[in-house]
Amino acid sequence: MTFNQLANIKNIRILLSGISLVLFCFGESIGQNLPKKKKAAYTSEISIGYGYGDINLTWLNFATVLGSFGGQSYSNIGVAHISYMQEINRTFDIGGTLAYSSGRINEISKGKEQKIASVNHFTALINGRICYLSKTALKLYSGIGIGAQLTSEKSTIQNLRKQNDVRVSFHITGIGVKFGKKIGGFTEVGFGDKGIISAGTYWRF
């Protein structure tokens, strides 16, 4: 890993620490200004989900259509992710997400595609979530997450050359719905590194 990549990782860590502090303070300030409500039965949540249409897929395919991806195309299997969220109050949650996706870069020649590289994306996000409706068995919410993504690209035609890159990662949840009490399911629509559409299951405790 080069010096510039190490510097980028250090800067991203500082950024994430600052964002975590801001999100926590924001949630606390909201809680102090809201009328007191009965404490929720479950305040912690672990969820596992799968998303499709992440920013890597949408952006690179858009570049392919425009012809700016150098006669290449990109495809992946979607994004698997696991999250932990902690309820600060009945309106605001904070937590984190780990995500993984695997894809391939193809070279397009005479209408045919040939694989020239395999790509793995490892993502870590810090999330904030605002709930418009927060009932025991139903939640309606939006959210935002920011973090870092490590991309490992392995060429299949240049003596298996490997290349690693780190970039800032993000995800915006436009609208999300959770249904169920202690165990339930969720569906989200958004844009970023978890996919345009995502669904899965969760466990509250």
N, C-alpha and C. Protein backbone atom coordinates (compact mmCIF):
# COMPACT_ATOMS: atom_id res chain seq x y z
N MET A 1 0.85 -1.19 0.00
CA MET A 1 0.00 0.00 0.00
C MET A 1 0.88 1.24 0.00
N THR A 2 0.60 2.21 -0.86
CA THR A 2 1.45 3.38 -1.02
C THR A 2 1.23 4.38 0.11
N PHE A 3 2.16 5.37 0.19
CA PHE A 3 2.05 6.41 1.20
C PHE A 3 0.77 7.21 1.03
N ASN A 4 0.40 7.51 -0.24
CA ASN A 4 -0.82 8.27 -0.49
C ASN A 4 -2.06 7.53 -0.03
N GLN A 5 -2.07 6.20 -0.22
CA GLN A 5 -3.21 5.40 0.22
C GLN A 5 -3.30 5.40 1.74
N LEU A 6 -2.15 5.30 2.43
CA LEU A 6 -2.14 5.35 3.89
C LEU A 6 -2.64 6.71 4.39
N ALA A 7 -2.22 7.78 3.70
CA ALA A 7 -2.67 9.12 4.07
C ALA A 7 -4.17 9.25 3.88
N ASN A 8 -4.69 8.67 2.79
CA ASN A 8 -6.13 8.72 2.54
C ASN A 8 -6.89 7.99 3.64
N ILE A 9 -6.38 6.84 4.08
CA ILE A 9 -7.03 6.07 5.15
C ILE A 9 -7.05 6.88 6.44
N LYS A 10 -5.93 7.55 6.75
CA LYS A 10 -5.86 8.36 7.96
C LYS A 10 -6.87 9.50 7.91
N ASN A 11 -6.97 10.17 6.75
CA ASN A 11 -7.92 11.26 6.61
C ASN A 11 -9.36 10.77 6.72
N ILE A 12 -9.63 9.58 6.17
CA ILE A 12 -10.98 9.02 6.25
C ILE A 12 -11.33 8.68 7.69
N ARG A 13 -10.36 8.15 8.46
CA ARG A 13 -10.60 7.84 9.87
C ARG A 13 -10.96 9.10 10.65
N ILE A 14 -10.23 10.19 10.40
CA ILE A 14 -10.52 11.46 11.07
C ILE A 14 -11.91 11.94 10.70
N LEU A 15 -12.26 11.82 9.41
CA LEU A 15 -13.58 12.24 8.94
C LEU A 15 -14.68 11.43 9.61
N LEU A 16 -14.50 10.10 9.70
CA LEU A 16 -15.51 9.24 10.31
C LEU A 16 -15.69 9.55 11.79
N SER A 17 -14.59 9.83 12.49
CA SER A 17 -14.68 10.17 13.91
C SER A 17 -15.48 11.45 14.10
N GLY A 18 -15.22 12.44 13.25
CA GLY A 18 -15.96 13.70 13.34
C GLY A 18 -17.43 13.52 13.03
N ILE A 19 -17.74 12.72 12.01
CA ILE A 19 -19.13 12.48 11.64
C ILE A 19 -19.87 11.75 12.75
N SER A 20 -19.22 10.77 13.38
CA SER A 20 -19.84 10.03 14.48
C SER A 20 -20.22 10.97 15.61
N LEU A 21 -19.30 11.88 15.96
CA LEU A 21 -19.57 12.83 17.04
C LEU A 21 -20.72 13.76 16.69
N VAL A 22 -20.73 14.25 15.44
CA VAL A 22 -21.80 15.15 15.01
C VAL A 22 -23.15 14.45 15.03
N LEU A 23 -23.21 13.21 14.52
CA LEU A 23 -24.47 12.46 14.50
C LEU A 23 -24.98 12.20 15.91
N PHE A 24 -24.07 11.84 16.82
CA PHE A 24 -24.49 11.55 18.19
C PHE A 24 -25.03 12.81 18.86
N CYS A 25 -24.32 13.93 18.70
CA CYS A 25 -24.78 15.19 19.30
C CYS A 25 -26.11 15.63 18.70
N PHE A 26 -26.26 15.41 17.38
CA PHE A 26 -27.51 15.78 16.71
C PHE A 26 -28.67 14.97 17.27
N GLY A 27 -28.45 13.66 17.44
CA GLY A 27 -29.50 12.81 18.00
C GLY A 27 -29.85 13.19 19.42
N GLU A 28 -28.84 13.53 20.23
CA GLU A 28 -29.09 13.92 21.61
C GLU A 28 -29.88 15.23 21.67
N SER A 29 -29.54 16.18 20.79
CA SER A 29 -30.25 17.46 20.80
C SER A 29 -31.70 17.30 20.39
N ILE A 30 -31.95 16.40 19.42
CA ILE A 30 -33.34 16.13 19.02
C ILE A 30 -34.11 15.52 20.18
N GLY A 31 -33.47 14.58 20.87
CA GLY A 31 -34.13 13.92 21.99
C GLY A 31 -34.49 14.87 23.11
N GLN A 32 -33.64 15.86 23.38
CA GLN A 32 -33.91 16.81 24.45
C GLN A 32 -35.05 17.75 24.12
N ASN A 33 -35.25 18.01 22.83
CA ASN A 33 -36.29 18.95 22.41
C ASN A 33 -37.63 18.29 22.12
N LEU A 34 -37.66 16.95 22.13
CA LEU A 34 -38.91 16.24 21.88
C LEU A 34 -39.65 15.99 23.18
N PRO A 35 -40.98 15.92 23.13
CA PRO A 35 -41.73 15.56 24.33
C PRO A 35 -41.39 14.13 24.75
N LYS A 36 -41.40 13.89 26.05
CA LYS A 36 -41.04 12.58 26.57
C LYS A 36 -42.07 11.53 26.14
N LYS A 37 -41.55 10.40 25.65
CA LYS A 37 -42.41 9.29 25.24
C LYS A 37 -42.00 8.05 26.00
N LYS A 38 -42.87 7.08 25.97
CA LYS A 38 -42.57 5.81 26.60
C LYS A 38 -41.37 5.17 25.92
N LYS A 39 -40.45 4.65 26.70
CA LYS A 39 -39.24 4.05 26.16
C LYS A 39 -39.57 2.82 25.32
N ALA A 40 -38.87 2.67 24.19
CA ALA A 40 -39.13 1.55 23.30
C ALA A 40 -38.76 0.24 23.97
N ALA A 41 -39.47 -0.83 23.57
CA ALA A 41 -39.19 -2.15 24.14
C ALA A 41 -37.82 -2.65 23.72
N TYR A 42 -37.40 -2.33 22.48
CA TYR A 42 -36.11 -2.76 21.97
C TYR A 42 -35.36 -1.53 21.46
N THR A 43 -34.11 -1.38 21.86
CA THR A 43 -33.34 -0.20 21.47
C THR A 43 -32.15 -0.52 20.58
N SER A 44 -31.81 -1.79 20.42
CA SER A 44 -30.69 -2.19 19.56
C SER A 44 -31.20 -3.09 18.44
N GLU A 45 -30.50 -3.04 17.31
CA GLU A 45 -30.97 -3.79 16.14
C GLU A 45 -29.80 -4.26 15.29
N ILE A 46 -29.84 -5.52 14.90
CA ILE A 46 -28.89 -6.09 13.94
C ILE A 46 -29.67 -6.53 12.71
N SER A 47 -29.21 -6.10 11.54
CA SER A 47 -29.92 -6.46 10.31
C SER A 47 -28.95 -7.03 9.28
N ILE A 48 -29.47 -7.92 8.45
CA ILE A 48 -28.72 -8.51 7.34
C ILE A 48 -29.55 -8.30 6.08
N GLY A 49 -28.90 -7.80 5.02
CA GLY A 49 -29.66 -7.52 3.81
C GLY A 49 -28.86 -7.70 2.54
N TYR A 50 -29.56 -7.51 1.44
CA TYR A 50 -28.97 -7.62 0.11
C TYR A 50 -29.50 -6.49 -0.75
N GLY A 51 -28.59 -5.80 -1.43
CA GLY A 51 -28.99 -4.69 -2.29
C GLY A 51 -28.50 -4.87 -3.71
N TYR A 52 -29.15 -4.19 -4.63
CA TYR A 52 -28.73 -4.25 -6.03
C TYR A 52 -28.77 -2.86 -6.65
N GLY A 53 -27.81 -2.59 -7.53
CA GLY A 53 -27.74 -1.29 -8.19
C GLY A 53 -26.90 -0.31 -7.41
N ASP A 54 -25.77 -0.79 -6.83
CA ASP A 54 -24.90 0.11 -6.08
C ASP A 54 -24.24 1.12 -7.02
N ILE A 55 -23.57 2.10 -6.44
CA ILE A 55 -23.03 3.21 -7.23
C ILE A 55 -21.96 2.74 -8.22
N ASN A 56 -21.20 1.69 -7.87
CA ASN A 56 -20.20 1.17 -8.81
C ASN A 56 -20.87 0.64 -10.07
N LEU A 57 -21.96 -0.11 -9.88
CA LEU A 57 -22.67 -0.69 -11.02
C LEU A 57 -23.35 0.38 -11.86
N THR A 58 -24.08 1.30 -11.21
CA THR A 58 -24.83 2.31 -11.95
C THR A 58 -23.89 3.29 -12.66
N TRP A 59 -22.83 3.72 -11.98
CA TRP A 59 -21.94 4.71 -12.57
C TRP A 59 -21.14 4.12 -13.74
N LEU A 60 -20.57 2.93 -13.56
CA LEU A 60 -19.75 2.35 -14.61
C LEU A 60 -20.58 1.92 -15.82
N ASN A 61 -21.81 1.45 -15.58
CA ASN A 61 -22.68 1.10 -16.71
C ASN A 61 -23.14 2.36 -17.45
N PHE A 62 -23.34 3.45 -16.70
CA PHE A 62 -23.68 4.72 -17.33
C PHE A 62 -22.51 5.20 -18.20
N ALA A 63 -21.28 5.02 -17.68
CA ALA A 63 -20.09 5.39 -18.45
C ALA A 63 -19.96 4.52 -19.70
N THR A 64 -20.36 3.24 -19.59
CA THR A 64 -20.32 2.34 -20.75
C THR A 64 -21.26 2.82 -21.84
N VAL A 65 -22.47 3.23 -21.45
CA VAL A 65 -23.45 3.73 -22.41
C VAL A 65 -22.92 4.98 -23.12
N LEU A 66 -22.24 5.84 -22.36
CA LEU A 66 -21.69 7.07 -22.94
C LEU A 66 -20.42 6.81 -23.75
N GLY A 67 -19.88 5.59 -23.63
CA GLY A 67 -18.66 5.26 -24.36
C GLY A 67 -17.40 5.80 -23.72
N SER A 68 -17.48 6.17 -22.42
CA SER A 68 -16.32 6.75 -21.74
C SER A 68 -15.62 5.76 -20.81
N PHE A 69 -15.98 4.48 -20.91
CA PHE A 69 -15.36 3.46 -20.06
C PHE A 69 -14.36 2.63 -20.86
N GLY A 70 -13.91 3.18 -21.98
CA GLY A 70 -12.85 2.55 -22.76
C GLY A 70 -13.22 1.22 -23.37
N GLY A 71 -14.46 1.08 -23.87
CA GLY A 71 -14.87 -0.18 -24.49
C GLY A 71 -14.99 -1.32 -23.51
N GLN A 72 -15.30 -1.01 -22.26
CA GLN A 72 -15.42 -2.02 -21.22
C GLN A 72 -16.79 -1.93 -20.55
N SER A 73 -17.15 -2.99 -19.84
CA SER A 73 -18.40 -3.00 -19.08
C SER A 73 -18.12 -3.58 -17.70
N TYR A 74 -19.05 -3.34 -16.77
CA TYR A 74 -18.89 -3.82 -15.40
C TYR A 74 -20.18 -4.50 -14.95
N SER A 75 -20.05 -5.60 -14.24
CA SER A 75 -21.22 -6.29 -13.68
C SER A 75 -20.85 -6.81 -12.30
N ASN A 76 -21.86 -6.93 -11.43
CA ASN A 76 -21.60 -7.51 -10.11
C ASN A 76 -22.81 -8.31 -9.63
N ILE A 77 -22.64 -8.97 -8.49
CA ILE A 77 -23.67 -9.87 -7.98
C ILE A 77 -24.59 -9.19 -6.98
N GLY A 78 -24.40 -7.88 -6.78
CA GLY A 78 -25.17 -7.18 -5.76
C GLY A 78 -24.32 -6.97 -4.51
N VAL A 79 -24.94 -6.42 -3.49
CA VAL A 79 -24.22 -6.04 -2.27
C VAL A 79 -24.83 -6.74 -1.06
N ALA A 80 -24.03 -7.51 -0.34
CA ALA A 80 -24.45 -8.10 0.93
C ALA A 80 -24.01 -7.18 2.05
N HIS A 81 -24.88 -6.92 3.01
CA HIS A 81 -24.51 -5.99 4.08
C HIS A 81 -25.11 -6.40 5.42
N ILE A 82 -24.39 -6.06 6.48
CA ILE A 82 -24.84 -6.29 7.84
C ILE A 82 -24.69 -4.99 8.62
N SER A 83 -25.71 -4.65 9.41
CA SER A 83 -25.72 -3.36 10.12
C SER A 83 -26.08 -3.54 11.59
N TYR A 84 -25.57 -2.62 12.39
CA TYR A 84 -25.99 -2.50 13.79
C TYR A 84 -26.47 -1.08 14.00
N MET A 85 -27.68 -0.92 14.56
CA MET A 85 -28.23 0.40 14.85
C MET A 85 -28.64 0.49 16.31
N GLN A 86 -28.38 1.65 16.90
CA GLN A 86 -28.74 1.92 18.29
C GLN A 86 -29.71 3.09 18.33
N GLU A 87 -30.84 2.89 19.00
CA GLU A 87 -31.83 3.95 19.11
C GLU A 87 -31.39 4.99 20.13
N ILE A 88 -31.20 6.24 19.68
CA ILE A 88 -30.87 7.34 20.58
C ILE A 88 -32.14 7.86 21.24
N ASN A 89 -33.19 7.99 20.43
CA ASN A 89 -34.53 8.32 20.91
C ASN A 89 -35.52 7.77 19.88
N ARG A 90 -36.80 8.07 20.05
CA ARG A 90 -37.80 7.48 19.15
C ARG A 90 -37.74 8.04 17.74
N THR A 91 -36.93 9.09 17.53
CA THR A 91 -36.84 9.71 16.21
C THR A 91 -35.51 9.46 15.52
N PHE A 92 -34.44 9.27 16.28
CA PHE A 92 -33.11 9.21 15.69
C PHE A 92 -32.36 7.95 16.12
N ASP A 93 -31.74 7.27 15.12
CA ASP A 93 -30.90 6.09 15.36
C ASP A 93 -29.52 6.35 14.78
N ILE A 94 -28.51 5.72 15.36
CA ILE A 94 -27.15 5.81 14.85
C ILE A 94 -26.52 4.43 14.88
N GLY A 95 -25.62 4.16 13.93
CA GLY A 95 -25.00 2.84 13.90
C GLY A 95 -23.99 2.72 12.78
N GLY A 96 -23.73 1.49 12.36
CA GLY A 96 -22.74 1.26 11.32
C GLY A 96 -23.11 0.09 10.43
N THR A 97 -22.48 0.04 9.26
CA THR A 97 -22.74 -1.01 8.27
C THR A 97 -21.44 -1.51 7.68
N LEU A 98 -21.34 -2.82 7.51
CA LEU A 98 -20.27 -3.45 6.75
C LEU A 98 -20.89 -4.09 5.52
N ALA A 99 -20.29 -3.88 4.35
CA ALA A 99 -20.86 -4.39 3.10
C ALA A 99 -19.78 -4.99 2.22
N TYR A 100 -20.21 -5.93 1.37
CA TYR A 100 -19.28 -6.58 0.44
C TYR A 100 -19.98 -6.83 -0.89
N SER A 101 -19.26 -6.58 -1.97
CA SER A 101 -19.76 -6.93 -3.29
C SER A 101 -18.59 -7.39 -4.16
N SER A 102 -18.91 -8.25 -5.11
CA SER A 102 -17.91 -8.80 -6.02
C SER A 102 -18.38 -8.60 -7.45
N GLY A 103 -17.47 -8.17 -8.32
CA GLY A 103 -17.86 -7.92 -9.70
C GLY A 103 -16.76 -8.28 -10.68
N ARG A 104 -17.01 -7.98 -11.93
CA ARG A 104 -16.03 -8.26 -12.98
C ARG A 104 -16.06 -7.15 -14.01
N ILE A 105 -14.89 -6.88 -14.57
CA ILE A 105 -14.76 -5.92 -15.67
C ILE A 105 -14.55 -6.71 -16.95
N ASN A 106 -15.36 -6.40 -17.95
CA ASN A 106 -15.30 -7.10 -19.23
C ASN A 106 -14.85 -6.15 -20.34
N GLU A 107 -14.10 -6.68 -21.26
CA GLU A 107 -13.73 -5.92 -22.45
C GLU A 107 -14.70 -6.28 -23.58
N ILE A 108 -15.25 -5.25 -24.21
CA ILE A 108 -16.21 -5.46 -25.29
C ILE A 108 -15.49 -5.35 -26.63
N SER A 109 -15.55 -6.42 -27.39
CA SER A 109 -14.90 -6.44 -28.70
C SER A 109 -15.76 -7.21 -29.68
N LYS A 110 -16.16 -6.54 -30.76
CA LYS A 110 -16.99 -7.14 -31.80
C LYS A 110 -18.27 -7.75 -31.23
N GLY A 111 -18.86 -7.02 -30.28
CA GLY A 111 -20.12 -7.46 -29.70
C GLY A 111 -20.00 -8.54 -28.65
N LYS A 112 -18.77 -8.97 -28.34
CA LYS A 112 -18.56 -10.01 -27.35
C LYS A 112 -17.84 -9.43 -26.13
N GLU A 113 -18.11 -10.03 -24.96
CA GLU A 113 -17.48 -9.58 -23.73
C GLU A 113 -16.50 -10.63 -23.22
N GLN A 114 -15.32 -10.17 -22.83
CA GLN A 114 -14.31 -11.06 -22.26
C GLN A 114 -13.87 -10.49 -20.92
N LYS A 115 -13.87 -11.34 -19.90
CA LYS A 115 -13.47 -10.91 -18.56
C LYS A 115 -11.99 -10.56 -18.55
N ILE A 116 -11.68 -9.35 -18.05
CA ILE A 116 -10.27 -8.94 -17.97
C ILE A 116 -9.84 -8.64 -16.53
N ALA A 117 -10.80 -8.57 -15.59
CA ALA A 117 -10.43 -8.31 -14.20
C ALA A 117 -11.58 -8.69 -13.27
N SER A 118 -11.23 -9.15 -12.08
CA SER A 118 -12.22 -9.38 -11.03
C SER A 118 -12.05 -8.28 -9.98
N VAL A 119 -13.17 -7.86 -9.40
CA VAL A 119 -13.15 -6.72 -8.47
C VAL A 119 -13.90 -7.09 -7.20
N ASN A 120 -13.32 -6.74 -6.04
CA ASN A 120 -13.97 -6.92 -4.75
C ASN A 120 -14.06 -5.57 -4.05
N HIS A 121 -15.24 -5.26 -3.52
CA HIS A 121 -15.45 -4.00 -2.80
C HIS A 121 -15.78 -4.31 -1.34
N PHE A 122 -15.02 -3.71 -0.42
CA PHE A 122 -15.26 -3.85 1.02
C PHE A 122 -15.60 -2.46 1.56
N THR A 123 -16.78 -2.33 2.18
CA THR A 123 -17.28 -1.02 2.57
C THR A 123 -17.62 -0.97 4.06
N ALA A 124 -17.29 0.15 4.70
CA ALA A 124 -17.68 0.42 6.09
C ALA A 124 -18.33 1.79 6.14
N LEU A 125 -19.52 1.86 6.74
CA LEU A 125 -20.28 3.11 6.81
C LEU A 125 -20.70 3.42 8.24
N ILE A 126 -20.74 4.71 8.57
CA ILE A 126 -21.39 5.19 9.79
C ILE A 126 -22.74 5.76 9.37
N ASN A 127 -23.82 5.32 10.02
CA ASN A 127 -25.17 5.67 9.58
C ASN A 127 -25.92 6.51 10.60
N GLY A 128 -26.73 7.43 10.08
CA GLY A 128 -27.71 8.15 10.88
C GLY A 128 -29.07 7.93 10.26
N ARG A 129 -30.09 7.74 11.08
CA ARG A 129 -31.43 7.43 10.56
C ARG A 129 -32.48 8.25 11.30
N ILE A 130 -33.35 8.93 10.54
CA ILE A 130 -34.45 9.70 11.11
C ILE A 130 -35.76 8.97 10.82
N CYS A 131 -36.53 8.71 11.86
CA CYS A 131 -37.78 7.96 11.74
C CYS A 131 -38.98 8.91 11.72
N TYR A 132 -39.76 8.83 10.64
CA TYR A 132 -40.98 9.63 10.55
C TYR A 132 -42.12 8.99 11.34
N LEU A 133 -42.11 7.66 11.33
CA LEU A 133 -43.11 6.88 12.06
C LEU A 133 -42.37 5.81 12.82
N SER A 134 -42.53 5.77 14.13
CA SER A 134 -41.79 4.82 14.95
C SER A 134 -42.73 4.12 15.91
N LYS A 135 -43.27 2.99 15.47
CA LYS A 135 -44.12 2.15 16.29
C LYS A 135 -43.37 0.87 16.62
N THR A 136 -43.90 0.10 17.54
CA THR A 136 -43.24 -1.14 17.94
C THR A 136 -43.07 -2.09 16.76
N ALA A 137 -44.09 -2.18 15.90
CA ALA A 137 -44.06 -3.14 14.79
C ALA A 137 -43.93 -2.49 13.42
N LEU A 138 -43.72 -1.17 13.37
CA LEU A 138 -43.63 -0.49 12.08
C LEU A 138 -42.77 0.76 12.19
N LYS A 139 -41.82 0.89 11.26
CA LYS A 139 -40.99 2.09 11.19
C LYS A 139 -40.93 2.59 9.75
N LEU A 140 -41.04 3.91 9.60
CA LEU A 140 -40.89 4.57 8.31
C LEU A 140 -39.77 5.59 8.48
N TYR A 141 -38.74 5.53 7.64
CA TYR A 141 -37.54 6.32 7.92
C TYR A 141 -36.77 6.69 6.66
N SER A 142 -35.83 7.62 6.83
CA SER A 142 -34.82 7.97 5.84
C SER A 142 -33.47 7.99 6.55
N GLY A 143 -32.39 7.97 5.78
CA GLY A 143 -31.09 7.95 6.45
C GLY A 143 -29.95 8.30 5.52
N ILE A 144 -28.79 8.47 6.12
CA ILE A 144 -27.58 8.75 5.36
C ILE A 144 -26.41 8.05 6.03
N GLY A 145 -25.48 7.57 5.22
CA GLY A 145 -24.29 6.92 5.74
C GLY A 145 -23.06 7.38 4.97
N ILE A 146 -21.94 7.50 5.66
CA ILE A 146 -20.70 7.88 5.01
C ILE A 146 -19.56 7.08 5.63
N GLY A 147 -18.58 6.73 4.80
CA GLY A 147 -17.49 5.90 5.30
C GLY A 147 -16.40 5.74 4.27
N ALA A 148 -15.89 4.53 4.15
CA ALA A 148 -14.78 4.26 3.23
C ALA A 148 -15.01 2.93 2.52
N GLN A 149 -14.50 2.85 1.30
CA GLN A 149 -14.58 1.61 0.53
C GLN A 149 -13.20 1.24 0.00
N LEU A 150 -12.80 0.00 0.28
CA LEU A 150 -11.57 -0.55 -0.27
C LEU A 150 -11.92 -1.40 -1.48
N THR A 151 -11.33 -1.08 -2.62
CA THR A 151 -11.54 -1.83 -3.85
C THR A 151 -10.27 -2.58 -4.21
N SER A 152 -10.41 -3.88 -4.39
CA SER A 152 -9.28 -4.73 -4.79
C SER A 152 -9.56 -5.27 -6.19
N GLU A 153 -8.73 -4.87 -7.14
CA GLU A 153 -8.92 -5.29 -8.53
C GLU A 153 -7.78 -6.21 -8.95
N LYS A 154 -8.14 -7.35 -9.51
CA LYS A 154 -7.15 -8.34 -9.93
C LYS A 154 -7.30 -8.60 -11.42
N SER A 155 -6.28 -8.22 -12.18
CA SER A 155 -6.31 -8.39 -13.63
C SER A 155 -6.11 -9.86 -14.00
N THR A 156 -6.85 -10.33 -14.99
CA THR A 156 -6.72 -11.71 -15.45
C THR A 156 -5.88 -11.82 -16.72
N ILE A 157 -5.42 -10.67 -17.23
CA ILE A 157 -4.67 -10.71 -18.49
C ILE A 157 -3.28 -10.10 -18.36
N GLN A 158 -2.97 -9.48 -17.23
CA GLN A 158 -1.66 -8.86 -17.05
C GLN A 158 -0.92 -9.55 -15.91
N ASN A 159 -0.68 -10.85 -16.09
CA ASN A 159 0.05 -11.66 -15.10
C ASN A 159 -0.55 -11.55 -13.71
N LEU A 160 -1.89 -11.54 -13.67
CA LEU A 160 -2.64 -11.49 -12.41
C LEU A 160 -2.22 -10.31 -11.53
N ARG A 161 -2.03 -9.15 -12.16
CA ARG A 161 -1.66 -7.94 -11.42
C ARG A 161 -2.79 -7.50 -10.50
N LYS A 162 -2.45 -7.12 -9.26
CA LYS A 162 -3.44 -6.67 -8.29
C LYS A 162 -3.29 -5.17 -8.04
N GLN A 163 -4.43 -4.52 -7.82
CA GLN A 163 -4.42 -3.08 -7.55
C GLN A 163 -5.46 -2.78 -6.48
N ASN A 164 -5.05 -2.05 -5.43
CA ASN A 164 -5.96 -1.68 -4.35
C ASN A 164 -6.18 -0.17 -4.35
N ASP A 165 -7.39 0.22 -4.00
CA ASP A 165 -7.72 1.64 -3.98
C ASP A 165 -8.72 1.89 -2.85
N VAL A 166 -8.60 3.05 -2.20
CA VAL A 166 -9.52 3.44 -1.13
C VAL A 166 -10.20 4.74 -1.51
N ARG A 167 -11.51 4.80 -1.34
CA ARG A 167 -12.25 6.02 -1.64
C ARG A 167 -13.30 6.25 -0.56
N VAL A 168 -13.82 7.48 -0.51
CA VAL A 168 -14.92 7.79 0.39
C VAL A 168 -16.18 7.11 -0.12
N SER A 169 -16.91 6.49 0.79
CA SER A 169 -18.13 5.77 0.45
C SER A 169 -19.34 6.49 1.06
N PHE A 170 -20.50 6.34 0.43
CA PHE A 170 -21.70 6.96 0.99
C PHE A 170 -22.94 6.16 0.59
N HIS A 171 -24.01 6.38 1.32
CA HIS A 171 -25.30 5.83 0.92
C HIS A 171 -26.41 6.71 1.49
N ILE A 172 -27.38 7.02 0.65
CA ILE A 172 -28.55 7.81 1.06
C ILE A 172 -29.78 6.93 0.94
N THR A 173 -30.48 6.76 2.04
CA THR A 173 -31.75 6.02 2.04
C THR A 173 -32.88 7.02 1.89
N GLY A 174 -33.51 7.02 0.72
CA GLY A 174 -34.61 7.95 0.49
C GLY A 174 -35.82 7.62 1.33
N ILE A 175 -36.19 6.35 1.32
CA ILE A 175 -37.33 5.88 2.11
C ILE A 175 -37.09 4.42 2.49
N GLY A 176 -37.40 4.09 3.73
CA GLY A 176 -37.26 2.72 4.20
C GLY A 176 -38.44 2.34 5.07
N VAL A 177 -38.80 1.06 5.04
CA VAL A 177 -39.91 0.55 5.84
C VAL A 177 -39.45 -0.70 6.57
N LYS A 178 -39.69 -0.74 7.88
CA LYS A 178 -39.42 -1.93 8.68
C LYS A 178 -40.74 -2.40 9.29
N PHE A 179 -40.96 -3.71 9.26
CA PHE A 179 -42.20 -4.25 9.79
C PHE A 179 -41.90 -5.50 10.62
N GLY A 180 -42.49 -5.56 11.79
CA GLY A 180 -42.22 -6.66 12.71
C GLY A 180 -41.77 -6.12 14.05
N LYS A 181 -41.88 -6.92 15.08
CA LYS A 181 -41.49 -6.49 16.42
C LYS A 181 -40.04 -6.89 16.70
N LYS A 182 -39.85 -7.99 17.41
CA LYS A 182 -38.48 -8.40 17.75
C LYS A 182 -37.73 -8.90 16.52
N ILE A 183 -38.42 -9.63 15.65
CA ILE A 183 -37.84 -10.11 14.39
C ILE A 183 -38.74 -9.64 13.26
N GLY A 184 -38.16 -9.11 12.20
CA GLY A 184 -38.97 -8.61 11.10
C GLY A 184 -38.17 -8.44 9.83
N GLY A 185 -38.75 -7.72 8.88
CA GLY A 185 -38.10 -7.49 7.60
C GLY A 185 -38.09 -6.01 7.25
N PHE A 186 -37.30 -5.66 6.25
CA PHE A 186 -37.22 -4.27 5.83
C PHE A 186 -37.02 -4.18 4.32
N THR A 187 -37.42 -3.04 3.77
CA THR A 187 -37.19 -2.71 2.37
C THR A 187 -36.79 -1.25 2.30
N GLU A 188 -35.76 -0.95 1.49
CA GLU A 188 -35.27 0.42 1.35
C GLU A 188 -35.06 0.77 -0.11
N VAL A 189 -35.27 2.04 -0.42
CA VAL A 189 -34.96 2.58 -1.74
C VAL A 189 -34.02 3.76 -1.53
N GLY A 190 -32.89 3.76 -2.23
CA GLY A 190 -31.93 4.84 -2.03
C GLY A 190 -30.90 4.89 -3.14
N PHE A 191 -29.76 5.49 -2.83
CA PHE A 191 -28.68 5.63 -3.81
C PHE A 191 -27.34 5.63 -3.09
N GLY A 192 -26.42 4.81 -3.57
CA GLY A 192 -25.10 4.76 -2.96
C GLY A 192 -24.53 3.36 -2.99
N ASP A 193 -23.75 3.03 -1.97
CA ASP A 193 -22.99 1.78 -1.97
C ASP A 193 -23.75 0.57 -1.43
N LYS A 194 -25.03 0.74 -1.04
CA LYS A 194 -25.84 -0.41 -0.64
C LYS A 194 -26.85 -0.79 -1.71
N GLY A 195 -26.92 -0.01 -2.79
CA GLY A 195 -27.82 -0.35 -3.88
C GLY A 195 -29.04 0.55 -3.96
N ILE A 196 -29.64 0.60 -5.14
CA ILE A 196 -30.85 1.40 -5.34
C ILE A 196 -32.01 0.81 -4.54
N ILE A 197 -32.09 -0.51 -4.51
CA ILE A 197 -33.12 -1.18 -3.73
C ILE A 197 -32.46 -2.24 -2.86
N SER A 198 -32.92 -2.34 -1.63
CA SER A 198 -32.32 -3.26 -0.67
C SER A 198 -33.42 -3.86 0.20
N ALA A 199 -33.22 -5.10 0.61
CA ALA A 199 -34.20 -5.77 1.47
C ALA A 199 -33.48 -6.78 2.35
N GLY A 200 -34.12 -7.12 3.47
CA GLY A 200 -33.49 -8.09 4.36
C GLY A 200 -34.31 -8.32 5.61
N THR A 201 -33.65 -8.81 6.65
CA THR A 201 -34.31 -9.13 7.90
C THR A 201 -33.53 -8.53 9.06
N TYR A 202 -34.18 -8.38 10.22
CA TYR A 202 -33.50 -7.80 11.37
C TYR A 202 -33.95 -8.48 12.66
N TRP A 203 -33.15 -8.25 13.69
CA TRP A 203 -33.43 -8.76 15.03
C TRP A 203 -33.23 -7.62 16.02
N ARG A 204 -34.23 -7.32 16.81
CA ARG A 204 -34.14 -6.26 17.82
C ARG A 204 -33.97 -6.86 19.21
N PHE A 205 -33.23 -6.16 20.03
CA PHE A 205 -33.01 -6.63 21.41
C PHE A 205 -32.75 -5.46 22.34
